[in-house]
Amino acid sequence: MNKIKPWLSAMRLRTLPLSVSGIMLGSCFAYYNGRFNPWIFVLAILTTISLQILSNLANDYGDGVKGTDNDERVGPLRAIQSGEITPTDMFKAIRFNILIVIVLTLALLWAAFGSDNFLFILLFILLGGFSVYAALNYTMGDSPYGYRALGDIFVFIFFGLVSTIGSYFLYMHTLDHVVILPAIALGMLSVGVLNLNNMRDIRSDTNAGKITLAVKLGLERAKTYHYTLIIGAMIITVIFSVLYYVELYNFMYLLAFIPLVQHVKKIKAAVQPNDFDSQLKVLALSTFLFSILLGVGYILF
């Protein structure tokens, strides 16, 4: 059991609900349009979770070997930082996880497209390869994009657009404007989680030479950016539900606005790194709740 705990910690299980939020949204809208497939749903969830775990392990490895995870950092102790997992073992786990991602991705594409849509399969294989690249190169390599203030862009693309629109496409085999605004809103909330993490680590990241967008903006402007992300996502969702109104169930997601508004108030008053760290779980779970309620609100009729 003592050997399992460090690995579970390195996988950062608390990040997994956020990672599958886009799958939930895309699947609900596909169900609404009469094209839900349980095999696609399960395999999409498993593939996304495996990619998120890959990203978490790679992040632990990259920050660990670069010395970014040090005594200045606030938050849970990382696996390599604590010495419970060696960089060599972590790298082996990363390679094994890549194999899992490949197997799950191929199974997902077979369930979604069979053997009749070679171009779609090729497109998603390329997208899967880019996803693995993004998971690995956030902190790994000689020039990781997470150290060049580009993490926000990648999170918006993969947690918002790719996750929501991509999962919808797996069912429908076509693009549809109906999922664009929800994908954008979810992407903004997901970027908010990253920005919250980066605001917490501004001091330690600056000293370690890790340039995040929060480091470039400074704390006060990073807070303003954070309000824009959260409130902007809420406004976009309201616009969406007005444009695509079917019945009152469509507004179920408003319940998720309660913890989101409370979160914004907490961040406004936040000063110390621990103030931001305590809100990470709040925002991640609120975003997951938001995606569930928004999606389910369109299939309860």
C-alpha atoms as a PDB file:
ATOM      1  CA  MET A   1       0.000   0.000   0.000  1.00  0.00           C
ATOM      2  CA  ASN A   2       2.876   2.369   0.784  1.00  0.00           C
ATOM      3  CA  LYS A   3       4.112   1.922  -2.802  1.00  0.00           C
ATOM      4  CA  ILE A   4       0.678   2.655  -4.280  1.00  0.00           C
ATOM      5  CA  LYS A   5       0.073   5.928  -2.418  1.00  0.00           C
ATOM      6  CA  PRO A   6       2.845   7.927  -4.145  1.00  0.00           C
ATOM      7  CA  TRP A   7       1.616   6.819  -7.560  1.00  0.00           C
ATOM      8  CA  LEU A   8      -1.988   7.748  -6.763  1.00  0.00           C
ATOM      9  CA  SER A   9      -0.725  11.106  -5.551  1.00  0.00           C
ATOM     10  CA  ALA A  10       1.318  11.585  -8.751  1.00  0.00           C
ATOM     11  CA  MET A  11      -1.767  10.798 -10.855  1.00  0.00           C
ATOM     12  CA  ARG A  12      -3.597  13.666  -9.093  1.00  0.00           C
ATOM     13  CA  LEU A  13      -6.983  12.010  -9.059  1.00  0.00           C
ATOM     14  CA  ARG A  14      -8.678  15.277  -8.090  1.00  0.00           C
ATOM     15  CA  THR A  15      -7.996  16.604 -11.611  1.00  0.00           C
ATOM     16  CA  LEU A  16      -9.881  13.786 -13.350  1.00  0.00           C
ATOM     17  CA  PRO A  17     -13.481  15.120 -13.034  1.00  0.00           C
ATOM     18  CA  LEU A  18     -12.442  18.348 -14.761  1.00  0.00           C
ATOM     19  CA  SER A  19     -10.758  16.415 -17.579  1.00  0.00           C
ATOM     20  CA  VAL A  20     -13.948  14.522 -18.508  1.00  0.00           C
ATOM     21  CA  SER A  21     -16.264  17.562 -18.359  1.00  0.00           C
ATOM     22  CA  GLY A  22     -16.068  18.119 -22.135  1.00  0.00           C
ATOM     23  CA  ILE A  23     -16.846  14.441 -22.795  1.00  0.00           C
ATOM     24  CA  MET A  24     -19.958  14.781 -20.640  1.00  0.00           C
ATOM     25  CA  LEU A  25     -21.102  17.859 -22.546  1.00  0.00           C
ATOM     26  CA  GLY A  26     -20.433  16.462 -26.022  1.00  0.00           C
ATOM     27  CA  SER A  27     -22.094  13.157 -25.131  1.00  0.00           C
ATOM     28  CA  CYS A  28     -25.222  14.843 -23.759  1.00  0.00           C
ATOM     29  CA  PHE A  29     -25.672  16.922 -26.906  1.00  0.00           C
ATOM     30  CA  ALA A  30     -25.159  13.818 -29.045  1.00  0.00           C
ATOM     31  CA  TYR A  31     -27.814  12.039 -26.955  1.00  0.00           C
ATOM     32  CA  TYR A  32     -30.133  15.015 -27.498  1.00  0.00           C
ATOM     33  CA  ASN A  33     -29.665  14.538 -31.247  1.00  0.00           C
ATOM     34  CA  GLY A  34     -30.347  10.799 -31.032  1.00  0.00           C
ATOM     35  CA  ARG A  35     -26.833   9.443 -31.649  1.00  0.00           C
ATOM     36  CA  PHE A  36     -25.566   8.329 -28.241  1.00  0.00           C
ATOM     37  CA  ASN A  37     -23.392   5.192 -28.111  1.00  0.00           C
ATOM     38  CA  PRO A  38     -22.418   3.786 -24.678  1.00  0.00           C
ATOM     39  CA  TRP A  39     -19.212   2.204 -26.026  1.00  0.00           C
ATOM     40  CA  ILE A  40     -18.024   5.519 -27.393  1.00  0.00           C
ATOM     41  CA  PHE A  41     -18.896   7.191 -24.101  1.00  0.00           C
ATOM     42  CA  VAL A  42     -16.981   4.708 -21.935  1.00  0.00           C
ATOM     43  CA  LEU A  43     -13.934   4.601 -24.220  1.00  0.00           C
ATOM     44  CA  ALA A  44     -13.876   8.397 -24.560  1.00  0.00           C
ATOM     45  CA  ILE A  45     -13.929   8.742 -20.760  1.00  0.00           C
ATOM     46  CA  LEU A  46     -11.130   6.168 -20.340  1.00  0.00           C
ATOM     47  CA  THR A  47      -9.009   7.746 -23.098  1.00  0.00           C
ATOM     48  CA  THR A  48      -9.395  11.223 -21.600  1.00  0.00           C
ATOM     49  CA  ILE A  49      -8.553   9.999 -18.104  1.00  0.00           C
ATOM     50  CA  SER A  50      -5.451   8.227 -19.397  1.00  0.00           C
ATOM     51  CA  LEU A  51      -4.355  11.420 -21.178  1.00  0.00           C
ATOM     52  CA  GLN A  52      -4.910  13.472 -18.028  1.00  0.00           C
ATOM     53  CA  ILE A  53      -2.903  11.015 -15.932  1.00  0.00           C
ATOM     54  CA  LEU A  54      -0.157  11.119 -18.583  1.00  0.00           C
ATOM     55  CA  SER A  55      -0.146  14.908 -18.346  1.00  0.00           C
ATOM     56  CA  ASN A  56       0.015  14.787 -14.546  1.00  0.00           C
ATOM     57  CA  LEU A  57       2.925  12.319 -14.514  1.00  0.00           C
ATOM     58  CA  ALA A  58       4.790  14.313 -17.152  1.00  0.00           C
ATOM     59  CA  ASN A  59       4.183  17.524 -15.201  1.00  0.00           C
ATOM     60  CA  ASP A  60       5.556  15.916 -12.041  1.00  0.00           C
ATOM     61  CA  TYR A  61       8.592  14.676 -13.974  1.00  0.00           C
ATOM     62  CA  GLY A  62       9.256  17.933 -15.814  1.00  0.00           C
ATOM     63  CA  ASP A  63       8.951  20.215 -12.789  1.00  0.00           C
ATOM     64  CA  GLY A  64      10.785  17.677 -10.628  1.00  0.00           C
ATOM     65  CA  VAL A  65      13.910  17.327 -12.739  1.00  0.00           C
ATOM     66  CA  LYS A  66      14.013  21.077 -13.437  1.00  0.00           C
ATOM     67  CA  GLY A  67      13.840  21.869  -9.714  1.00  0.00           C
ATOM     68  CA  THR A  68      10.661  23.936 -10.084  1.00  0.00           C
ATOM     69  CA  ASP A  69       8.997  21.816  -7.395  1.00  0.00           C
ATOM     70  CA  ASN A  70      10.897  22.990  -4.337  1.00  0.00           C
ATOM     71  CA  ASP A  71      10.313  24.045  -0.749  1.00  0.00           C
ATOM     72  CA  GLU A  72       8.834  27.377  -1.879  1.00  0.00           C
ATOM     73  CA  ARG A  73       5.955  25.729  -3.690  1.00  0.00           C
ATOM     74  CA  VAL A  74       2.537  25.648  -1.976  1.00  0.00           C
ATOM     75  CA  GLY A  75       0.187  22.709  -2.436  1.00  0.00           C
ATOM     76  CA  PRO A  76       0.428  18.918  -2.309  1.00  0.00           C
ATOM     77  CA  LEU A  77       3.970  17.538  -2.292  1.00  0.00           C
ATOM     78  CA  ARG A  78       4.884  16.150  -5.715  1.00  0.00           C
ATOM     79  CA  ALA A  79       6.144  12.580  -6.099  1.00  0.00           C
ATOM     80  CA  ILE A  80       9.647  13.326  -7.424  1.00  0.00           C
ATOM     81  CA  GLN A  81       9.966  16.335  -5.136  1.00  0.00           C
ATOM     82  CA  SER A  82       9.272  14.108  -2.114  1.00  0.00           C
ATOM     83  CA  GLY A  83      11.746  11.443  -3.275  1.00  0.00           C
ATOM     84  CA  GLU A  84       9.099   8.700  -3.107  1.00  0.00           C
ATOM     85  CA  ILE A  85       9.344   8.118  -6.867  1.00  0.00           C
ATOM     86  CA  THR A  86      12.607   8.409  -8.779  1.00  0.00           C
ATOM     87  CA  PRO A  87      12.797  10.289 -12.109  1.00  0.00           C
ATOM     88  CA  THR A  88      13.745   6.997 -13.808  1.00  0.00           C
ATOM     89  CA  ASP A  89      10.645   5.198 -12.505  1.00  0.00           C
ATOM     90  CA  MET A  90       8.450   8.150 -13.385  1.00  0.00           C
ATOM     91  CA  PHE A  91       9.799   8.178 -16.948  1.00  0.00           C
ATOM     92  CA  LYS A  92       9.061   4.441 -17.270  1.00  0.00           C
ATOM     93  CA  ALA A  93       5.503   5.073 -16.058  1.00  0.00           C
ATOM     94  CA  ILE A  94       5.101   7.851 -18.631  1.00  0.00           C
ATOM     95  CA  ARG A  95       6.157   5.519 -21.464  1.00  0.00           C
ATOM     96  CA  PHE A  96       3.778   2.798 -20.232  1.00  0.00           C
ATOM     97  CA  ASN A  97       0.960   5.337 -20.015  1.00  0.00           C
ATOM     98  CA  ILE A  98       1.574   6.382 -23.615  1.00  0.00           C
ATOM     99  CA  LEU A  99       0.980   2.758 -24.672  1.00  0.00           C
ATOM    100  CA  ILE A 100      -2.302   2.761 -22.736  1.00  0.00           C
ATOM    101  CA  VAL A 101      -3.360   5.976 -24.480  1.00  0.00           C
ATOM    102  CA  ILE A 102      -2.575   4.462 -27.902  1.00  0.00           C
ATOM    103  CA  VAL A 103      -4.585   1.289 -27.228  1.00  0.00           C
ATOM    104  CA  LEU A 104      -7.578   3.194 -25.845  1.00  0.00           C
ATOM    105  CA  THR A 105      -7.496   5.716 -28.681  1.00  0.00           C
ATOM    106  CA  LEU A 106      -7.526   2.996 -31.343  1.00  0.00           C
ATOM    107  CA  ALA A 107     -10.386   1.196 -29.573  1.00  0.00           C
ATOM    108  CA  LEU A 108     -12.324   4.463 -29.347  1.00  0.00           C
ATOM    109  CA  LEU A 109     -11.845   5.242 -33.026  1.00  0.00           C
ATOM    110  CA  TRP A 110     -12.929   1.741 -34.035  1.00  0.00           C
ATOM    111  CA  ALA A 111     -16.091   2.088 -31.910  1.00  0.00           C
ATOM    112  CA  ALA A 112     -16.816   5.524 -33.400  1.00  0.00           C
ATOM    113  CA  PHE A 113     -15.938   5.029 -37.069  1.00  0.00           C
ATOM    114  CA  GLY A 114     -15.442   1.320 -37.725  1.00  0.00           C
ATOM    115  CA  SER A 115     -13.535   0.634 -40.935  1.00  0.00           C
ATOM    116  CA  ASP A 116     -15.609   2.875 -43.203  1.00  0.00           C
ATOM    117  CA  ASN A 117     -14.235   6.310 -42.303  1.00  0.00           C
ATOM    118  CA  PHE A 118     -10.493   6.185 -42.868  1.00  0.00           C
ATOM    119  CA  LEU A 119     -10.109   9.971 -43.152  1.00  0.00           C
ATOM    120  CA  PHE A 120     -11.894  10.537 -39.837  1.00  0.00           C
ATOM    121  CA  ILE A 121      -9.715   7.867 -38.194  1.00  0.00           C
ATOM    122  CA  LEU A 122      -6.575   9.485 -39.596  1.00  0.00           C
ATOM    123  CA  LEU A 123      -7.729  12.914 -38.398  1.00  0.00           C
ATOM    124  CA  PHE A 124      -8.301  11.684 -34.861  1.00  0.00           C
ATOM    125  CA  ILE A 125      -5.018   9.742 -34.800  1.00  0.00           C
ATOM    126  CA  LEU A 126      -3.257  13.017 -35.614  1.00  0.00           C
ATOM    127  CA  LEU A 127      -5.324  14.761 -32.953  1.00  0.00           C
ATOM    128  CA  GLY A 128      -4.433  12.021 -30.480  1.00  0.00           C
ATOM    129  CA  GLY A 129      -0.748  12.406 -31.296  1.00  0.00           C
ATOM    130  CA  PHE A 130      -0.984  16.149 -30.750  1.00  0.00           C
ATOM    131  CA  SER A 131      -2.755  15.495 -27.429  1.00  0.00           C
ATOM    132  CA  VAL A 132       0.100  13.260 -26.273  1.00  0.00           C
ATOM    133  CA  TYR A 133       2.594  15.912 -27.386  1.00  0.00           C
ATOM    134  CA  ALA A 134       0.692  18.554 -25.403  1.00  0.00           C
ATOM    135  CA  ALA A 135       0.523  16.312 -22.323  1.00  0.00           C
ATOM    136  CA  LEU A 136       4.275  15.667 -22.389  1.00  0.00           C
ATOM    137  CA  ASN A 137       5.608  19.067 -23.358  1.00  0.00           C
ATOM    138  CA  TYR A 138       3.838  21.238 -20.807  1.00  0.00           C
ATOM    139  CA  THR A 139       6.852  20.921 -18.497  1.00  0.00           C
ATOM    140  CA  MET A 140       9.096  18.308 -20.168  1.00  0.00           C
ATOM    141  CA  GLY A 141      11.813  18.954 -22.741  1.00  0.00           C
ATOM    142  CA  ASP A 142      14.248  21.771 -23.391  1.00  0.00           C
ATOM    143  CA  SER A 143      11.561  24.338 -24.204  1.00  0.00           C
ATOM    144  CA  PRO A 144       8.274  23.328 -22.527  1.00  0.00           C
ATOM    145  CA  TYR A 145       5.351  25.547 -23.475  1.00  0.00           C
ATOM    146  CA  GLY A 146       4.210  25.729 -19.832  1.00  0.00           C
ATOM    147  CA  TYR A 147       7.390  27.692 -19.118  1.00  0.00           C
ATOM    148  CA  ARG A 148       6.626  30.148 -21.937  1.00  0.00           C
ATOM    149  CA  ALA A 149       3.174  31.345 -20.813  1.00  0.00           C
ATOM    150  CA  LEU A 150       1.403  29.164 -23.401  1.00  0.00           C
ATOM    151  CA  GLY A 151      -0.335  26.748 -21.029  1.00  0.00           C
ATOM    152  CA  ASP A 152      -3.589  28.724 -21.046  1.00  0.00           C
ATOM    153  CA  ILE A 153      -3.943  28.405 -24.818  1.00  0.00           C
ATOM    154  CA  PHE A 154      -3.390  24.641 -24.765  1.00  0.00           C
ATOM    155  CA  VAL A 155      -5.827  24.124 -21.882  1.00  0.00           C
ATOM    156  CA  PHE A 156      -8.499  26.145 -23.695  1.00  0.00           C
ATOM    157  CA  ILE A 157      -8.004  24.125 -26.873  1.00  0.00           C
ATOM    158  CA  PHE A 158      -7.905  20.648 -25.329  1.00  0.00           C
ATOM    159  CA  PHE A 159     -10.163  20.941 -22.271  1.00  0.00           C
ATOM    160  CA  GLY A 160     -12.708  23.091 -24.070  1.00  0.00           C
ATOM    161  CA  LEU A 161     -12.782  22.824 -27.853  1.00  0.00           C
ATOM    162  CA  VAL A 162     -11.235  19.416 -28.533  1.00  0.00           C
ATOM    163  CA  SER A 163     -12.903  17.659 -25.606  1.00  0.00           C
ATOM    164  CA  THR A 164     -16.426  18.953 -26.257  1.00  0.00           C
ATOM    165  CA  ILE A 165     -16.532  19.339 -30.038  1.00  0.00           C
ATOM    166  CA  GLY A 166     -14.322  16.282 -30.590  1.00  0.00           C
ATOM    167  CA  SER A 167     -16.449  13.975 -28.456  1.00  0.00           C
ATOM    168  CA  TYR A 168     -19.608  15.227 -30.173  1.00  0.00           C
ATOM    169  CA  PHE A 169     -18.025  14.484 -33.559  1.00  0.00           C
ATOM    170  CA  LEU A 170     -17.249  10.909 -32.481  1.00  0.00           C
ATOM    171  CA  TYR A 171     -20.988  10.264 -32.216  1.00  0.00           C
ATOM    172  CA  MET A 172     -22.359  12.476 -34.977  1.00  0.00           C
ATOM    173  CA  HIS A 173     -19.558  12.319 -37.619  1.00  0.00           C
ATOM    174  CA  THR A 174     -20.188  15.985 -38.348  1.00  0.00           C
ATOM    175  CA  LEU A 175     -19.496  19.395 -36.861  1.00  0.00           C
ATOM    176  CA  ASP A 176     -22.399  21.346 -35.380  1.00  0.00           C
ATOM    177  CA  HIS A 177     -22.658  24.960 -34.230  1.00  0.00           C
ATOM    178  CA  VAL A 178     -24.719  23.874 -31.212  1.00  0.00           C
ATOM    179  CA  VAL A 179     -21.620  22.774 -29.253  1.00  0.00           C
ATOM    180  CA  ILE A 180     -19.385  25.777 -30.009  1.00  0.00           C
ATOM    181  CA  LEU A 181     -20.513  28.148 -27.242  1.00  0.00           C
ATOM    182  CA  PRO A 182     -20.573  25.412 -24.546  1.00  0.00           C
ATOM    183  CA  ALA A 183     -17.070  24.360 -25.632  1.00  0.00           C
ATOM    184  CA  ILE A 184     -15.823  27.943 -25.330  1.00  0.00           C
ATOM    185  CA  ALA A 185     -17.415  28.395 -21.892  1.00  0.00           C
ATOM    186  CA  LEU A 186     -15.958  25.131 -20.614  1.00  0.00           C
ATOM    187  CA  GLY A 187     -12.553  26.041 -22.032  1.00  0.00           C
ATOM    188  CA  MET A 188     -12.609  29.360 -20.170  1.00  0.00           C
ATOM    189  CA  LEU A 189     -13.507  27.698 -16.867  1.00  0.00           C
ATOM    190  CA  SER A 190     -10.756  25.119 -17.383  1.00  0.00           C
ATOM    191  CA  VAL A 191      -8.221  27.883 -18.062  1.00  0.00           C
ATOM    192  CA  GLY A 192      -9.458  29.426 -14.826  1.00  0.00           C
ATOM    193  CA  VAL A 193      -8.315  26.319 -12.949  1.00  0.00           C
ATOM    194  CA  LEU A 194      -4.852  26.598 -14.492  1.00  0.00           C
ATOM    195  CA  ASN A 195      -4.669  30.326 -13.793  1.00  0.00           C
ATOM    196  CA  LEU A 196      -5.659  29.685 -10.179  1.00  0.00           C
ATOM    197  CA  ASN A 197      -2.839  27.174  -9.881  1.00  0.00           C
ATOM    198  CA  ASN A 198      -0.420  29.654 -11.469  1.00  0.00           C
ATOM    199  CA  MET A 199      -1.503  32.518  -9.199  1.00  0.00           C
ATOM    200  CA  ARG A 200      -0.796  30.268  -6.227  1.00  0.00           C
ATOM    201  CA  ASP A 201       2.698  29.536  -7.553  1.00  0.00           C
ATOM    202  CA  ILE A 202       3.674  33.021  -8.781  1.00  0.00           C
ATOM    203  CA  ARG A 203       6.472  33.432  -6.261  1.00  0.00           C
ATOM    204  CA  SER A 204       8.006  29.974  -6.593  1.00  0.00           C
ATOM    205  CA  ASP A 205       7.596  29.908 -10.400  1.00  0.00           C
ATOM    206  CA  THR A 206       9.293  33.300 -10.735  1.00  0.00           C
ATOM    207  CA  ASN A 207      12.242  32.177  -8.640  1.00  0.00           C
ATOM    208  CA  ALA A 208      12.497  28.917 -10.624  1.00  0.00           C
ATOM    209  CA  GLY A 209      12.365  30.667 -14.003  1.00  0.00           C
ATOM    210  CA  LYS A 210       8.981  29.214 -14.952  1.00  0.00           C
ATOM    211  CA  ILE A 211       7.184  31.948 -16.886  1.00  0.00           C
ATOM    212  CA  THR A 212       3.432  31.413 -16.726  1.00  0.00           C
ATOM    213  CA  LEU A 213       0.843  33.942 -17.862  1.00  0.00           C
ATOM    214  CA  ALA A 214       0.192  34.760 -14.191  1.00  0.00           C
ATOM    215  CA  VAL A 215       3.896  35.512 -13.716  1.00  0.00           C
ATOM    216  CA  LYS A 216       3.878  37.807 -16.759  1.00  0.00           C
ATOM    217  CA  LEU A 217       0.703  39.605 -15.665  1.00  0.00           C
ATOM    218  CA  GLY A 218       1.470  39.933 -11.968  1.00  0.00           C
ATOM    219  CA  LEU A 219      -0.995  38.992  -9.233  1.00  0.00           C
ATOM    220  CA  GLU A 220      -3.505  41.834  -9.570  1.00  0.00           C
ATOM    221  CA  ARG A 221      -3.830  41.622 -13.349  1.00  0.00           C
ATOM    222  CA  ALA A 222      -3.909  37.813 -13.116  1.00  0.00           C
ATOM    223  CA  LYS A 223      -6.898  38.222 -10.785  1.00  0.00           C
ATOM    224  CA  THR A 224      -8.626  40.480 -13.321  1.00  0.00           C
ATOM    225  CA  TYR A 225      -7.913  37.883 -16.012  1.00  0.00           C
ATOM    226  CA  HIS A 226      -9.419  35.260 -13.709  1.00  0.00           C
ATOM    227  CA  TYR A 227     -12.639  37.238 -13.209  1.00  0.00           C
ATOM    228  CA  THR A 228     -12.880  37.653 -16.989  1.00  0.00           C
ATOM    229  CA  LEU A 229     -12.582  33.897 -17.523  1.00  0.00           C
ATOM    230  CA  ILE A 230     -15.192  32.886 -14.936  1.00  0.00           C
ATOM    231  CA  ILE A 231     -17.724  35.652 -15.525  1.00  0.00           C
ATOM    232  CA  GLY A 232     -17.186  35.484 -19.292  1.00  0.00           C
ATOM    233  CA  ALA A 233     -17.953  31.743 -19.269  1.00  0.00           C
ATOM    234  CA  MET A 234     -21.152  32.398 -17.337  1.00  0.00           C
ATOM    235  CA  ILE A 235     -22.289  35.118 -19.765  1.00  0.00           C
ATOM    236  CA  ILE A 236     -21.526  32.944 -22.820  1.00  0.00           C
ATOM    237  CA  THR A 237     -23.556  30.075 -21.341  1.00  0.00           C
ATOM    238  CA  VAL A 238     -26.565  32.302 -20.685  1.00  0.00           C
ATOM    239  CA  ILE A 239     -26.379  33.562 -24.273  1.00  0.00           C
ATOM    240  CA  PHE A 240     -26.212  29.955 -25.476  1.00  0.00           C
ATOM    241  CA  SER A 241     -29.244  28.842 -23.477  1.00  0.00           C
ATOM    242  CA  VAL A 242     -31.269  31.797 -24.760  1.00  0.00           C
ATOM    243  CA  LEU A 243     -30.280  31.122 -28.385  1.00  0.00           C
ATOM    244  CA  TYR A 244     -30.941  27.379 -28.081  1.00  0.00           C
ATOM    245  CA  TYR A 245     -33.827  27.447 -25.625  1.00  0.00           C
ATOM    246  CA  VAL A 246     -36.092  24.407 -25.560  1.00  0.00           C
ATOM    247  CA  GLU A 247     -37.555  24.401 -22.048  1.00  0.00           C
ATOM    248  CA  LEU A 248     -36.764  25.495 -18.480  1.00  0.00           C
ATOM    249  CA  TYR A 249     -34.593  22.428 -17.811  1.00  0.00           C
ATOM    250  CA  ASN A 250     -32.014  24.086 -20.072  1.00  0.00           C
ATOM    251  CA  PHE A 251     -31.250  26.516 -17.241  1.00  0.00           C
ATOM    252  CA  MET A 252     -30.331  23.866 -14.669  1.00  0.00           C
ATOM    253  CA  TYR A 253     -26.688  24.945 -14.962  1.00  0.00           C
ATOM    254  CA  LEU A 254     -27.568  28.164 -13.096  1.00  0.00           C
ATOM    255  CA  LEU A 255     -27.213  26.120  -9.910  1.00  0.00           C
ATOM    256  CA  ALA A 256     -23.485  25.835 -10.691  1.00  0.00           C
ATOM    257  CA  PHE A 257     -23.268  29.633 -10.827  1.00  0.00           C
ATOM    258  CA  ILE A 258     -23.764  29.780  -7.042  1.00  0.00           C
ATOM    259  CA  PRO A 259     -20.354  28.241  -6.149  1.00  0.00           C
ATOM    260  CA  LEU A 260     -18.767  30.063  -9.117  1.00  0.00           C
ATOM    261  CA  VAL A 261     -19.918  33.465  -7.835  1.00  0.00           C
ATOM    262  CA  GLN A 262     -18.726  32.560  -4.337  1.00  0.00           C
ATOM    263  CA  HIS A 263     -15.412  31.505  -5.857  1.00  0.00           C
ATOM    264  CA  VAL A 264     -14.928  34.882  -7.567  1.00  0.00           C
ATOM    265  CA  LYS A 265     -15.567  36.627  -4.238  1.00  0.00           C
ATOM    266  CA  LYS A 266     -12.982  34.419  -2.523  1.00  0.00           C
ATOM    267  CA  ILE A 267     -10.365  35.150  -5.183  1.00  0.00           C
ATOM    268  CA  LYS A 268     -10.999  38.875  -4.886  1.00  0.00           C
ATOM    269  CA  ALA A 269     -10.050  38.648  -1.217  1.00  0.00           C
ATOM    270  CA  ALA A 270      -7.181  36.167  -1.759  1.00  0.00           C
ATOM    271  CA  VAL A 271      -3.688  37.313  -0.808  1.00  0.00           C
ATOM    272  CA  GLN A 272      -1.628  34.317   0.303  1.00  0.00           C
ATOM    273  CA  PRO A 273      -0.800  31.259  -1.844  1.00  0.00           C
ATOM    274  CA  ASN A 274      -2.934  29.047   0.423  1.00  0.00           C
ATOM    275  CA  ASP A 275      -5.952  31.259  -0.344  1.00  0.00           C
ATOM    276  CA  PHE A 276      -5.679  30.260  -3.990  1.00  0.00           C
ATOM    277  CA  ASP A 277      -4.841  26.615  -3.284  1.00  0.00           C
ATOM    278  CA  SER A 278      -8.002  26.151  -1.216  1.00  0.00           C
ATOM    279  CA  GLN A 279     -10.100  27.245  -4.211  1.00  0.00           C
ATOM    280  CA  LEU A 280      -8.639  24.788  -6.739  1.00  0.00           C
ATOM    281  CA  LYS A 281     -10.951  21.936  -5.785  1.00  0.00           C
ATOM    282  CA  VAL A 282     -13.904  24.347  -5.582  1.00  0.00           C
ATOM    283  CA  LEU A 283     -13.440  25.630  -9.122  1.00  0.00           C
ATOM    284  CA  ALA A 284     -12.643  22.211 -10.614  1.00  0.00           C
ATOM    285  CA  LEU A 285     -15.725  20.562  -9.083  1.00  0.00           C
ATOM    286  CA  SER A 286     -17.924  23.572  -9.894  1.00  0.00           C
ATOM    287  CA  THR A 287     -16.829  23.284 -13.528  1.00  0.00           C
ATOM    288  CA  PHE A 288     -17.630  19.561 -13.538  1.00  0.00           C
ATOM    289  CA  LEU A 289     -21.060  20.291 -12.003  1.00  0.00           C
ATOM    290  CA  PHE A 290     -21.606  23.022 -14.594  1.00  0.00           C
ATOM    291  CA  SER A 291     -20.915  20.613 -17.483  1.00  0.00           C
ATOM    292  CA  ILE A 292     -23.218  17.934 -16.058  1.00  0.00           C
ATOM    293  CA  LEU A 293     -26.115  20.315 -15.433  1.00  0.00           C
ATOM    294  CA  LEU A 294     -25.747  22.052 -18.801  1.00  0.00           C
ATOM    295  CA  GLY A 295     -25.687  18.751 -20.666  1.00  0.00           C
ATOM    296  CA  VAL A 296     -28.407  16.998 -18.682  1.00  0.00           C
ATOM    297  CA  GLY A 297     -30.594  20.099 -19.007  1.00  0.00           C
ATOM    298  CA  TYR A 298     -30.946  19.308 -22.714  1.00  0.00           C
ATOM    299  CA  ILE A 299     -31.830  15.636 -22.387  1.00  0.00           C
ATOM    300  CA  LEU A 300     -34.515  15.953 -19.704  1.00  0.00           C
ATOM    301  CA  PHE A 301     -37.593  16.573 -21.771  1.00  0.00           C
END
